[in-house]
Each structure stands twice: as structure tokens, then as C-alpha cells.
All heavy atoms as atom14 arrays in JSON, in Angstrom:
{
  "sequence": "ENLWGLEIDSEREADSHISTVKQTMKTLVAPKMYHEIDRQLDLARHSP",
  "atom14_mask": [
    [1, 1, 1, 1, 1, 1, 1, 1, 1, 0, 0, 0, 0, 0],
    [1, 1, 1, 1, 1, 1, 1, 1, 0, 0, 0, 0, 0, 0],
    [1, 1, 1, 1, 1, 1, 1, 1, 0, 0, 0, 0, 0, 0],
    [1, 1, 1, 1, 1, 1, 1, 1, 1, 1, 1, 1, 1, 1],
    [1, 1, 1, 1, 0, 0, 0, 0, 0, 0, 0, 0, 0, 0],
    [1, 1, 1, 1, 1, 1, 1, 1, 0, 0, 0, 0, 0, 0],
    [1, 1, 1, 1, 1, 1, 1, 1, 1, 0, 0, 0, 0, 0],
    [1, 1, 1, 1, 1, 1, 1, 1, 0, 0, 0, 0, 0, 0],
    [1, 1, 1, 1, 1, 1, 1, 1, 0, 0, 0, 0, 0, 0],
    [1, 1, 1, 1, 1, 1, 0, 0, 0, 0, 0, 0, 0, 0],
    [1, 1, 1, 1, 1, 1, 1, 1, 1, 0, 0, 0, 0, 0],
    [1, 1, 1, 1, 1, 1, 1, 1, 1, 1, 1, 0, 0, 0],
    [1, 1, 1, 1, 1, 1, 1, 1, 1, 0, 0, 0, 0, 0],
    [1, 1, 1, 1, 1, 0, 0, 0, 0, 0, 0, 0, 0, 0],
    [1, 1, 1, 1, 1, 1, 1, 1, 0, 0, 0, 0, 0, 0],
    [1, 1, 1, 1, 1, 1, 0, 0, 0, 0, 0, 0, 0, 0],
    [1, 1, 1, 1, 1, 1, 1, 1, 1, 1, 0, 0, 0, 0],
    [1, 1, 1, 1, 1, 1, 1, 1, 0, 0, 0, 0, 0, 0],
    [1, 1, 1, 1, 1, 1, 0, 0, 0, 0, 0, 0, 0, 0],
    [1, 1, 1, 1, 1, 1, 1, 0, 0, 0, 0, 0, 0, 0],
    [1, 1, 1, 1, 1, 1, 1, 0, 0, 0, 0, 0, 0, 0],
    [1, 1, 1, 1, 1, 1, 1, 1, 1, 0, 0, 0, 0, 0],
    [1, 1, 1, 1, 1, 1, 1, 1, 1, 0, 0, 0, 0, 0],
    [1, 1, 1, 1, 1, 1, 1, 0, 0, 0, 0, 0, 0, 0],
    [1, 1, 1, 1, 1, 1, 1, 1, 0, 0, 0, 0, 0, 0],
    [1, 1, 1, 1, 1, 1, 1, 1, 1, 0, 0, 0, 0, 0],
    [1, 1, 1, 1, 1, 1, 1, 0, 0, 0, 0, 0, 0, 0],
    [1, 1, 1, 1, 1, 1, 1, 1, 0, 0, 0, 0, 0, 0],
    [1, 1, 1, 1, 1, 1, 1, 0, 0, 0, 0, 0, 0, 0],
    [1, 1, 1, 1, 1, 0, 0, 0, 0, 0, 0, 0, 0, 0],
    [1, 1, 1, 1, 1, 1, 1, 0, 0, 0, 0, 0, 0, 0],
    [1, 1, 1, 1, 1, 1, 1, 1, 1, 0, 0, 0, 0, 0],
    [1, 1, 1, 1, 1, 1, 1, 1, 0, 0, 0, 0, 0, 0],
    [1, 1, 1, 1, 1, 1, 1, 1, 1, 1, 1, 1, 0, 0],
    [1, 1, 1, 1, 1, 1, 1, 1, 1, 1, 0, 0, 0, 0],
    [1, 1, 1, 1, 1, 1, 1, 1, 1, 0, 0, 0, 0, 0],
    [1, 1, 1, 1, 1, 1, 1, 1, 0, 0, 0, 0, 0, 0],
    [1, 1, 1, 1, 1, 1, 1, 1, 0, 0, 0, 0, 0, 0],
    [1, 1, 1, 1, 1, 1, 1, 1, 1, 1, 1, 0, 0, 0],
    [1, 1, 1, 1, 1, 1, 1, 1, 1, 0, 0, 0, 0, 0],
    [1, 1, 1, 1, 1, 1, 1, 1, 0, 0, 0, 0, 0, 0],
    [1, 1, 1, 1, 1, 1, 1, 1, 0, 0, 0, 0, 0, 0],
    [1, 1, 1, 1, 1, 1, 1, 1, 0, 0, 0, 0, 0, 0],
    [1, 1, 1, 1, 1, 0, 0, 0, 0, 0, 0, 0, 0, 0],
    [1, 1, 1, 1, 1, 1, 1, 1, 1, 1, 1, 0, 0, 0],
    [1, 1, 1, 1, 1, 1, 1, 1, 1, 1, 0, 0, 0, 0],
    [1, 1, 1, 1, 1, 1, 0, 0, 0, 0, 0, 0, 0, 0],
    [1, 1, 1, 1, 1, 1, 1, 0, 0, 0, 0, 0, 0, 0]
  ],
  "atom14_positions": [
    [[-15.26, -212.09, 75.52], [-14.39, -213.18, 75.48], [-13.01, -212.67, 76.1], [-12.5, -211.58, 75.82], [-14.19, -213.55, 74.05], [-13.22, -214.87, 73.94], [-13.12, -215.23, 72.59], [-13.66, -214.6, 71.6], [-12.31, -216.23, 72.27], [0.0, 0.0, 0.0], [0.0, 0.0, 0.0], [0.0, 0.0, 0.0], [0.0, 0.0, 0.0], [0.0, 0.0, 0.0]],
    [[-12.45, -213.44, 77.03], [-11.2, -213.13, 77.75], [-11.26, -211.92, 78.66], [-10.22, -211.45, 79.06], [-10.06, -212.87, 76.66], [-9.75, -214.1, 75.93], [-9.82, -215.19, 76.34], [-9.46, -213.9, 74.57], [0.0, 0.0, 0.0], [0.0, 0.0, 0.0], [0.0, 0.0, 0.0], [0.0, 0.0, 0.0], [0.0, 0.0, 0.0], [0.0, 0.0, 0.0]],
    [[-12.43, -211.47, 78.96], [-12.56, -210.18, 79.78], [-13.62, -210.37, 80.78], [-14.73, -210.81, 80.53], [-12.93, -209.04, 78.88], [-13.15, -207.66, 79.52], [-11.81, -207.26, 80.24], [-13.55, -206.69, 78.5], [0.0, 0.0, 0.0], [0.0, 0.0, 0.0], [0.0, 0.0, 0.0], [0.0, 0.0, 0.0], [0.0, 0.0, 0.0], [0.0, 0.0, 0.0]],
    [[-13.24, -210.06, 82.14], [-14.11, -210.22, 83.23], [-14.05, -208.79, 83.98], [-13.2, -208.06, 83.78], [-13.54, -211.27, 84.22], [-13.78, -212.65, 83.79], [-14.72, -213.57, 84.14], [-12.85, -213.43, 82.81], [-14.53, -214.69, 83.36], [-13.47, -214.64, 82.64], [-11.75, -213.05, 82.16], [-12.81, -215.61, 81.78], [-11.19, -213.96, 81.3], [-11.75, -215.26, 81.03]],
    [[-15.21, -208.61, 84.6], [-15.26, -207.34, 85.43], [-15.7, -207.5, 86.89], [-16.27, -208.52, 87.23], [0.0, 0.0, 0.0], [0.0, 0.0, 0.0], [0.0, 0.0, 0.0], [0.0, 0.0, 0.0], [0.0, 0.0, 0.0], [0.0, 0.0, 0.0], [0.0, 0.0, 0.0], [0.0, 0.0, 0.0], [0.0, 0.0, 0.0], [0.0, 0.0, 0.0]],
    [[-15.4, -206.5, 87.71], [-15.65, -206.58, 89.12], [-15.83, -205.14, 89.73], [-14.96, -204.35, 89.36], [-14.56, -207.43, 89.84], [-14.49, -207.3, 91.36], [-15.71, -208.09, 92.06], [-13.2, -207.91, 91.91], [0.0, 0.0, 0.0], [0.0, 0.0, 0.0], [0.0, 0.0, 0.0], [0.0, 0.0, 0.0], [0.0, 0.0, 0.0], [0.0, 0.0, 0.0]],
    [[-16.78, -204.88, 90.5], [-16.88, -203.58, 91.18], [-16.79, -203.9, 92.67], [-17.68, -204.5, 93.29], [-18.24, -202.93, 90.82], [-18.35, -202.49, 89.43], [-19.54, -201.72, 89.08], [-20.66, -202.01, 89.74], [-19.63, -200.99, 88.14], [0.0, 0.0, 0.0], [0.0, 0.0, 0.0], [0.0, 0.0, 0.0], [0.0, 0.0, 0.0], [0.0, 0.0, 0.0]],
    [[-15.74, -203.33, 93.32], [-15.59, -203.45, 94.74], [-16.48, -202.54, 95.5], [-16.48, -201.28, 95.29], [-14.09, -203.15, 95.09], [-13.15, -204.19, 94.47], [-13.96, -203.21, 96.69], [-11.69, -204.02, 94.85], [0.0, 0.0, 0.0], [0.0, 0.0, 0.0], [0.0, 0.0, 0.0], [0.0, 0.0, 0.0], [0.0, 0.0, 0.0], [0.0, 0.0, 0.0]],
    [[-17.34, -203.06, 96.35], [-18.22, -202.35, 97.17], [-17.4, -202.04, 98.55], [-17.33, -202.84, 99.37], [-19.44, -203.07, 97.53], [-20.59, -202.22, 98.41], [-20.08, -201.34, 99.13], [-21.77, -202.54, 98.15], [0.0, 0.0, 0.0], [0.0, 0.0, 0.0], [0.0, 0.0, 0.0], [0.0, 0.0, 0.0], [0.0, 0.0, 0.0], [0.0, 0.0, 0.0]],
    [[-16.88, -200.75, 98.62], [-16.01, -200.39, 99.76], [-16.68, -200.59, 101.07], [-16.05, -201.15, 102.01], [-15.47, -199.0, 99.61], [-16.51, -198.01, 99.47], [0.0, 0.0, 0.0], [0.0, 0.0, 0.0], [0.0, 0.0, 0.0], [0.0, 0.0, 0.0], [0.0, 0.0, 0.0], [0.0, 0.0, 0.0], [0.0, 0.0, 0.0], [0.0, 0.0, 0.0]],
    [[-17.97, -200.16, 101.2], [-18.62, -200.31, 102.52], [-18.82, -201.77, 102.9], [-18.75, -202.12, 104.0], [-20.01, -199.49, 102.4], [-19.91, -197.95, 102.2], [-19.07, -197.31, 103.48], [-19.28, -197.88, 104.56], [-18.37, -196.43, 103.22], [0.0, 0.0, 0.0], [0.0, 0.0, 0.0], [0.0, 0.0, 0.0], [0.0, 0.0, 0.0], [0.0, 0.0, 0.0]],
    [[-19.17, -202.56, 101.9], [-19.5, -203.91, 102.16], [-18.15, -204.59, 102.5], [-18.11, -205.56, 103.39], [-20.05, -204.58, 100.96], [-20.48, -206.03, 101.18], [-21.41, -206.57, 100.01], [-21.84, -207.9, 100.39], [-23.01, -208.35, 100.09], [-23.82, -207.65, 99.49], [-23.27, -209.71, 100.29], [0.0, 0.0, 0.0], [0.0, 0.0, 0.0], [0.0, 0.0, 0.0]],
    [[-17.07, -204.23, 101.92], [-15.8, -204.82, 102.24], [-15.42, -204.54, 103.63], [-14.92, -205.35, 104.39], [-14.65, -204.21, 101.23], [-14.74, -204.85, 99.84], [-14.48, -206.23, 99.75], [-13.7, -206.86, 100.56], [-15.15, -206.98, 98.89], [0.0, 0.0, 0.0], [0.0, 0.0, 0.0], [0.0, 0.0, 0.0], [0.0, 0.0, 0.0], [0.0, 0.0, 0.0]],
    [[-15.6, -203.26, 104.06], [-15.34, -202.81, 105.42], [-16.17, -203.68, 106.45], [-15.61, -204.15, 107.42], [-15.53, -201.37, 105.67], [0.0, 0.0, 0.0], [0.0, 0.0, 0.0], [0.0, 0.0, 0.0], [0.0, 0.0, 0.0], [0.0, 0.0, 0.0], [0.0, 0.0, 0.0], [0.0, 0.0, 0.0], [0.0, 0.0, 0.0], [0.0, 0.0, 0.0]],
    [[-17.56, -203.82, 106.14], [-18.41, -204.62, 106.94], [-17.94, -206.08, 107.05], [-17.89, -206.68, 108.14], [-19.81, -204.54, 106.57], [-20.46, -203.24, 106.69], [-19.95, -202.31, 107.53], [-21.45, -202.84, 105.96], [0.0, 0.0, 0.0], [0.0, 0.0, 0.0], [0.0, 0.0, 0.0], [0.0, 0.0, 0.0], [0.0, 0.0, 0.0], [0.0, 0.0, 0.0]],
    [[-17.54, -206.63, 105.91], [-17.16, -207.99, 105.89], [-15.86, -208.23, 106.65], [-15.74, -209.17, 107.37], [-16.94, -208.48, 104.38], [-16.44, -209.75, 104.4], [0.0, 0.0, 0.0], [0.0, 0.0, 0.0], [0.0, 0.0, 0.0], [0.0, 0.0, 0.0], [0.0, 0.0, 0.0], [0.0, 0.0, 0.0], [0.0, 0.0, 0.0], [0.0, 0.0, 0.0]],
    [[-14.91, -207.31, 106.53], [-13.71, -207.26, 107.24], [-13.95, -207.21, 108.77], [-13.33, -208.15, 109.52], [-12.72, -206.14, 106.8], [-11.5, -205.96, 107.6], [-10.47, -206.93, 107.4], [-11.11, -205.21, 108.6], [-9.46, -206.54, 108.17], [-9.87, -205.57, 109.0], [0.0, 0.0, 0.0], [0.0, 0.0, 0.0], [0.0, 0.0, 0.0], [0.0, 0.0, 0.0]],
    [[-14.7, -206.23, 109.16], [-15.01, -206.24, 110.64], [-15.63, -207.56, 111.15], [-15.39, -208.02, 112.3], [-15.9, -204.95, 111.01], [-15.07, -203.73, 110.71], [-16.36, -205.03, 112.4], [-13.81, -203.47, 111.64], [0.0, 0.0, 0.0], [0.0, 0.0, 0.0], [0.0, 0.0, 0.0], [0.0, 0.0, 0.0], [0.0, 0.0, 0.0], [0.0, 0.0, 0.0]],
    [[-16.63, -208.09, 110.37], [-17.24, -209.31, 110.82], [-16.25, -210.41, 110.97], [-16.42, -211.22, 111.89], [-18.35, -209.53, 109.74], [-18.98, -210.79, 110.03], [0.0, 0.0, 0.0], [0.0, 0.0, 0.0], [0.0, 0.0, 0.0], [0.0, 0.0, 0.0], [0.0, 0.0, 0.0], [0.0, 0.0, 0.0], [0.0, 0.0, 0.0], [0.0, 0.0, 0.0]],
    [[-15.43, -210.56, 110.05], [-14.31, -211.65, 110.09], [-13.51, -211.46, 111.3], [-13.16, -212.47, 112.05], [-13.46, -211.59, 108.81], [-14.24, -211.76, 107.69], [-12.33, -212.68, 108.84], [0.0, 0.0, 0.0], [0.0, 0.0, 0.0], [0.0, 0.0, 0.0], [0.0, 0.0, 0.0], [0.0, 0.0, 0.0], [0.0, 0.0, 0.0], [0.0, 0.0, 0.0]],
    [[-13.11, -210.17, 111.68], [-12.34, -209.95, 112.87], [-13.04, -210.32, 114.04], [-12.49, -211.02, 115.02], [-11.81, -208.47, 112.87], [-11.07, -208.23, 114.28], [-10.88, -208.22, 111.77], [0.0, 0.0, 0.0], [0.0, 0.0, 0.0], [0.0, 0.0, 0.0], [0.0, 0.0, 0.0], [0.0, 0.0, 0.0], [0.0, 0.0, 0.0], [0.0, 0.0, 0.0]],
    [[-14.3, -209.97, 114.07], [-15.19, -210.31, 115.25], [-15.26, -211.95, 115.51], [-14.98, -212.27, 116.56], [-16.64, -209.85, 115.07], [-16.78, -208.4, 115.23], [-18.33, -207.97, 115.05], [-18.57, -206.55, 115.31], [-20.04, -206.23, 115.07], [0.0, 0.0, 0.0], [0.0, 0.0, 0.0], [0.0, 0.0, 0.0], [0.0, 0.0, 0.0], [0.0, 0.0, 0.0]],
    [[-15.42, -212.59, 114.39], [-15.49, -214.06, 114.47], [-14.16, -214.63, 114.95], [-14.1, -215.55, 115.8], [-15.84, -214.61, 113.12], [-17.3, -214.25, 112.65], [-17.59, -214.82, 111.22], [-16.83, -215.62, 110.71], [-18.59, -214.33, 110.62], [0.0, 0.0, 0.0], [0.0, 0.0, 0.0], [0.0, 0.0, 0.0], [0.0, 0.0, 0.0], [0.0, 0.0, 0.0]],
    [[-13.06, -214.09, 114.49], [-11.76, -214.61, 114.93], [-11.5, -214.36, 116.4], [-11.09, -215.17, 117.19], [-10.59, -213.95, 114.03], [-10.86, -214.26, 112.72], [-9.27, -214.47, 114.56], [0.0, 0.0, 0.0], [0.0, 0.0, 0.0], [0.0, 0.0, 0.0], [0.0, 0.0, 0.0], [0.0, 0.0, 0.0], [0.0, 0.0, 0.0], [0.0, 0.0, 0.0]],
    [[-11.87, -213.12, 116.8], [-11.59, -212.75, 118.21], [-12.48, -213.58, 119.16], [-12.05, -213.87, 120.33], [-11.88, -211.19, 118.42], [-10.87, -210.32, 117.8], [-9.24, -210.53, 118.42], [-9.47, -210.01, 120.19], [0.0, 0.0, 0.0], [0.0, 0.0, 0.0], [0.0, 0.0, 0.0], [0.0, 0.0, 0.0], [0.0, 0.0, 0.0], [0.0, 0.0, 0.0]],
    [[-13.68, -213.85, 118.72], [-14.58, -214.59, 119.6], [-14.1, -216.04, 119.74], [-14.61, -216.66, 120.79], [-16.05, -214.53, 119.02], [-16.67, -213.18, 119.23], [-18.01, -213.13, 118.52], [-18.72, -211.76, 118.77], [-20.01, -211.62, 118.17], [0.0, 0.0, 0.0], [0.0, 0.0, 0.0], [0.0, 0.0, 0.0], [0.0, 0.0, 0.0], [0.0, 0.0, 0.0]],
    [[-13.17, -216.6, 119.0], [-12.66, -217.92, 119.18], [-11.54, -217.83, 120.26], [-11.13, -218.94, 120.64], [-12.08, -218.47, 117.9], [-10.96, -217.67, 117.48], [-13.21, -218.46, 116.79], [0.0, 0.0, 0.0], [0.0, 0.0, 0.0], [0.0, 0.0, 0.0], [0.0, 0.0, 0.0], [0.0, 0.0, 0.0], [0.0, 0.0, 0.0], [0.0, 0.0, 0.0]],
    [[-11.16, -216.65, 120.57], [-10.01, -216.49, 121.47], [-10.47, -216.04, 122.98], [-9.67, -215.95, 123.8], [-9.03, -215.55, 121.02], [-8.59, -215.76, 119.56], [-7.67, -214.63, 119.01], [-7.76, -217.12, 119.44], [0.0, 0.0, 0.0], [0.0, 0.0, 0.0], [0.0, 0.0, 0.0], [0.0, 0.0, 0.0], [0.0, 0.0, 0.0], [0.0, 0.0, 0.0]],
    [[-11.74, -215.82, 123.1], [-12.21, -215.32, 124.47], [-13.5, -216.09, 124.88], [-14.08, -216.86, 124.12], [-12.55, -213.82, 124.37], [-11.37, -213.03, 123.94], [-13.82, -213.53, 123.44], [0.0, 0.0, 0.0], [0.0, 0.0, 0.0], [0.0, 0.0, 0.0], [0.0, 0.0, 0.0], [0.0, 0.0, 0.0], [0.0, 0.0, 0.0], [0.0, 0.0, 0.0]],
    [[-13.83, -215.94, 126.14], [-15.0, -216.47, 126.71], [-16.28, -215.78, 126.2], [-16.11, -214.53, 125.85], [-14.87, -216.47, 128.19], [0.0, 0.0, 0.0], [0.0, 0.0, 0.0], [0.0, 0.0, 0.0], [0.0, 0.0, 0.0], [0.0, 0.0, 0.0], [0.0, 0.0, 0.0], [0.0, 0.0, 0.0], [0.0, 0.0, 0.0], [0.0, 0.0, 0.0]],
    [[-17.44, -216.44, 126.18], [-18.66, -215.86, 125.72], [-18.9, -214.49, 126.4], [-19.67, -213.59, 125.81], [-19.61, -216.9, 125.98], [-18.88, -218.15, 125.83], [-17.58, -217.87, 126.46], [0.0, 0.0, 0.0], [0.0, 0.0, 0.0], [0.0, 0.0, 0.0], [0.0, 0.0, 0.0], [0.0, 0.0, 0.0], [0.0, 0.0, 0.0], [0.0, 0.0, 0.0]],
    [[-18.64, -214.37, 127.69], [-18.96, -213.11, 128.38], [-18.32, -211.93, 127.76], [-18.71, -210.84, 128.09], [-18.54, -213.3, 129.87], [-17.09, -213.34, 130.16], [-16.77, -213.36, 131.69], [-15.32, -213.24, 131.97], [-15.05, -213.23, 133.44], [0.0, 0.0, 0.0], [0.0, 0.0, 0.0], [0.0, 0.0, 0.0], [0.0, 0.0, 0.0], [0.0, 0.0, 0.0]],
    [[-17.3, -212.11, 126.95], [-16.54, -210.91, 126.41], [-17.08, -210.6, 125.03], [-16.62, -209.65, 124.36], [-15.11, -211.28, 126.28], [-14.45, -211.49, 127.68], [-14.67, -210.17, 128.87], [-14.05, -208.78, 128.01], [0.0, 0.0, 0.0], [0.0, 0.0, 0.0], [0.0, 0.0, 0.0], [0.0, 0.0, 0.0], [0.0, 0.0, 0.0], [0.0, 0.0, 0.0]],
    [[-18.03, -211.34, 124.43], [-18.54, -211.21, 123.11], [-19.05, -209.8, 122.94], [-18.84, -209.16, 121.92], [-19.68, -212.21, 122.72], [-19.12, -213.6, 122.53], [-19.95, -214.61, 122.22], [-17.64, -213.88, 122.61], [-19.47, -215.9, 121.96], [-17.2, -215.1, 122.35], [-18.15, -216.26, 122.1], [-17.66, -217.51, 121.93], [0.0, 0.0, 0.0], [0.0, 0.0, 0.0]],
    [[-19.91, -209.32, 123.86], [-20.49, -208.03, 123.77], [-19.45, -206.9, 123.68], [-19.6, -205.97, 122.88], [-21.39, -207.75, 124.94], [-22.03, -206.37, 125.13], [-23.06, -205.98, 124.14], [-21.68, -205.25, 125.86], [-23.3, -204.8, 124.4], [-22.42, -204.29, 125.42], [0.0, 0.0, 0.0], [0.0, 0.0, 0.0], [0.0, 0.0, 0.0], [0.0, 0.0, 0.0]],
    [[-18.4, -207.02, 124.46], [-17.41, -206.01, 124.43], [-16.6, -206.05, 123.07], [-16.26, -204.94, 122.61], [-16.34, -206.19, 125.6], [-15.3, -205.17, 125.8], [-15.84, -203.78, 125.95], [-16.89, -203.63, 126.57], [-15.08, -202.9, 125.78], [0.0, 0.0, 0.0], [0.0, 0.0, 0.0], [0.0, 0.0, 0.0], [0.0, 0.0, 0.0], [0.0, 0.0, 0.0]],
    [[-16.28, -207.16, 122.55], [-15.7, -207.25, 121.26], [-16.54, -206.61, 120.19], [-16.05, -205.85, 119.4], [-15.56, -208.76, 120.91], [-14.31, -209.26, 121.7], [-15.12, -208.96, 119.44], [-13.97, -210.75, 121.48], [0.0, 0.0, 0.0], [0.0, 0.0, 0.0], [0.0, 0.0, 0.0], [0.0, 0.0, 0.0], [0.0, 0.0, 0.0], [0.0, 0.0, 0.0]],
    [[-17.96, -206.95, 120.25], [-18.78, -206.24, 119.28], [-18.76, -204.78, 119.43], [-18.69, -203.98, 118.38], [-20.22, -206.85, 119.39], [-20.44, -208.26, 119.03], [-19.62, -208.65, 118.12], [-21.37, -208.89, 119.43], [0.0, 0.0, 0.0], [0.0, 0.0, 0.0], [0.0, 0.0, 0.0], [0.0, 0.0, 0.0], [0.0, 0.0, 0.0], [0.0, 0.0, 0.0]],
    [[-18.81, -204.31, 120.65], [-18.78, -202.87, 120.78], [-17.57, -202.18, 120.31], [-17.59, -201.13, 119.68], [-19.0, -202.53, 122.4], [-19.34, -201.13, 122.67], [-19.34, -200.89, 124.21], [-18.02, -200.96, 124.82], [-17.19, -199.99, 124.93], [-17.52, -198.76, 124.37], [-16.04, -200.02, 125.53], [0.0, 0.0, 0.0], [0.0, 0.0, 0.0], [0.0, 0.0, 0.0]],
    [[-16.38, -202.73, 120.7], [-15.15, -202.17, 120.28], [-14.98, -202.16, 118.71], [-14.55, -201.19, 118.16], [-13.98, -202.88, 120.91], [-13.91, -202.69, 122.37], [-13.5, -201.41, 122.88], [-12.94, -200.58, 122.09], [-13.53, -201.13, 124.21], [0.0, 0.0, 0.0], [0.0, 0.0, 0.0], [0.0, 0.0, 0.0], [0.0, 0.0, 0.0], [0.0, 0.0, 0.0]],
    [[-15.24, -203.25, 118.18], [-15.1, -203.33, 116.69], [-16.15, -202.53, 116.01], [-15.83, -202.01, 114.84], [-15.14, -204.75, 116.21], [-13.84, -205.56, 116.65], [-13.99, -207.06, 116.3], [-12.61, -205.02, 116.02], [0.0, 0.0, 0.0], [0.0, 0.0, 0.0], [0.0, 0.0, 0.0], [0.0, 0.0, 0.0], [0.0, 0.0, 0.0], [0.0, 0.0, 0.0]],
    [[-17.36, -202.37, 116.48], [-18.35, -201.53, 115.88], [-17.85, -200.02, 115.79], [-18.07, -199.28, 114.88], [-19.69, -201.69, 116.53], [-20.37, -202.97, 116.14], [-20.05, -203.54, 115.19], [-21.33, -203.27, 117.0], [0.0, 0.0, 0.0], [0.0, 0.0, 0.0], [0.0, 0.0, 0.0], [0.0, 0.0, 0.0], [0.0, 0.0, 0.0], [0.0, 0.0, 0.0]],
    [[-17.13, -199.68, 116.79], [-16.5, -198.39, 116.93], [-15.41, -198.18, 116.0], [-15.29, -197.31, 115.26], [-16.03, -198.02, 118.38], [-17.07, -197.83, 119.37], [-16.48, -197.68, 120.83], [-17.89, -196.53, 119.1], [0.0, 0.0, 0.0], [0.0, 0.0, 0.0], [0.0, 0.0, 0.0], [0.0, 0.0, 0.0], [0.0, 0.0, 0.0], [0.0, 0.0, 0.0]],
    [[-14.56, -199.25, 115.9], [-13.4, -199.29, 114.89], [-13.93, -199.19, 113.45], [-13.17, -198.69, 112.64], [-12.58, -200.53, 115.12], [0.0, 0.0, 0.0], [0.0, 0.0, 0.0], [0.0, 0.0, 0.0], [0.0, 0.0, 0.0], [0.0, 0.0, 0.0], [0.0, 0.0, 0.0], [0.0, 0.0, 0.0], [0.0, 0.0, 0.0], [0.0, 0.0, 0.0]],
    [[-15.11, -199.74, 113.22], [-15.63, -199.75, 111.82], [-15.75, -198.31, 111.33], [-15.62, -198.1, 110.11], [-17.0, -200.39, 111.81], [-17.85, -200.15, 110.62], [-17.24, -200.82, 109.4], [-18.09, -200.65, 108.24], [-18.04, -199.58, 107.4], [-17.27, -198.56, 107.76], [-18.83, -199.45, 106.34], [0.0, 0.0, 0.0], [0.0, 0.0, 0.0], [0.0, 0.0, 0.0]],
    [[-15.97, -197.37, 112.1], [-16.14, -195.97, 111.76], [-14.84, -195.14, 111.84], [-14.9, -193.86, 111.7], [-17.26, -195.27, 112.55], [-18.58, -196.01, 112.38], [-19.36, -195.98, 111.19], [-19.25, -196.89, 113.17], [-20.47, -196.79, 111.33], [-20.38, -197.22, 112.53], [0.0, 0.0, 0.0], [0.0, 0.0, 0.0], [0.0, 0.0, 0.0], [0.0, 0.0, 0.0]],
    [[-13.79, -195.68, 112.14], [-12.51, -194.97, 112.41], [-11.95, -194.63, 111.06], [-12.08, -195.43, 110.17], [-11.54, -195.73, 113.34], [-11.22, -196.95, 112.83], [0.0, 0.0, 0.0], [0.0, 0.0, 0.0], [0.0, 0.0, 0.0], [0.0, 0.0, 0.0], [0.0, 0.0, 0.0], [0.0, 0.0, 0.0], [0.0, 0.0, 0.0], [0.0, 0.0, 0.0]],
    [[-11.14, -193.6, 110.98], [-10.5, -193.24, 109.66], [-9.54, -194.33, 109.19], [-8.8, -195.06, 109.99], [-9.65, -192.01, 110.0], [-10.16, -191.42, 111.3], [-10.77, -192.56, 112.1], [0.0, 0.0, 0.0], [0.0, 0.0, 0.0], [0.0, 0.0, 0.0], [0.0, 0.0, 0.0], [0.0, 0.0, 0.0], [0.0, 0.0, 0.0], [0.0, 0.0, 0.0]]
  ]
}
């Protein structure tokens, strides 16, 4: 009663964040650039 819990999955949060950025960037460029956006952000996913 009056108490809730949550466990943040850090890896899933990072994947979700990168996925959201990808979707946003793809609304700003032509389809021919989608592959490059995926490549760049997949690399960024593993950066410190």
C-alpha cells in the first residue's frame, strides 16, 4: 500500500534511446541516408 517499485534496465534504456534517436534522424533525411544513420548510431551505442 502506497509503495511502488521499478528496476531500470540500463542496457535496454541505452538501446531504446539509440532507437529513438534513429527514428528522429530518419525523419530529417532522405531514405538513402538511413543506412549511414544506423551505422553511425550503432557505433555511438558502444561509446563511453
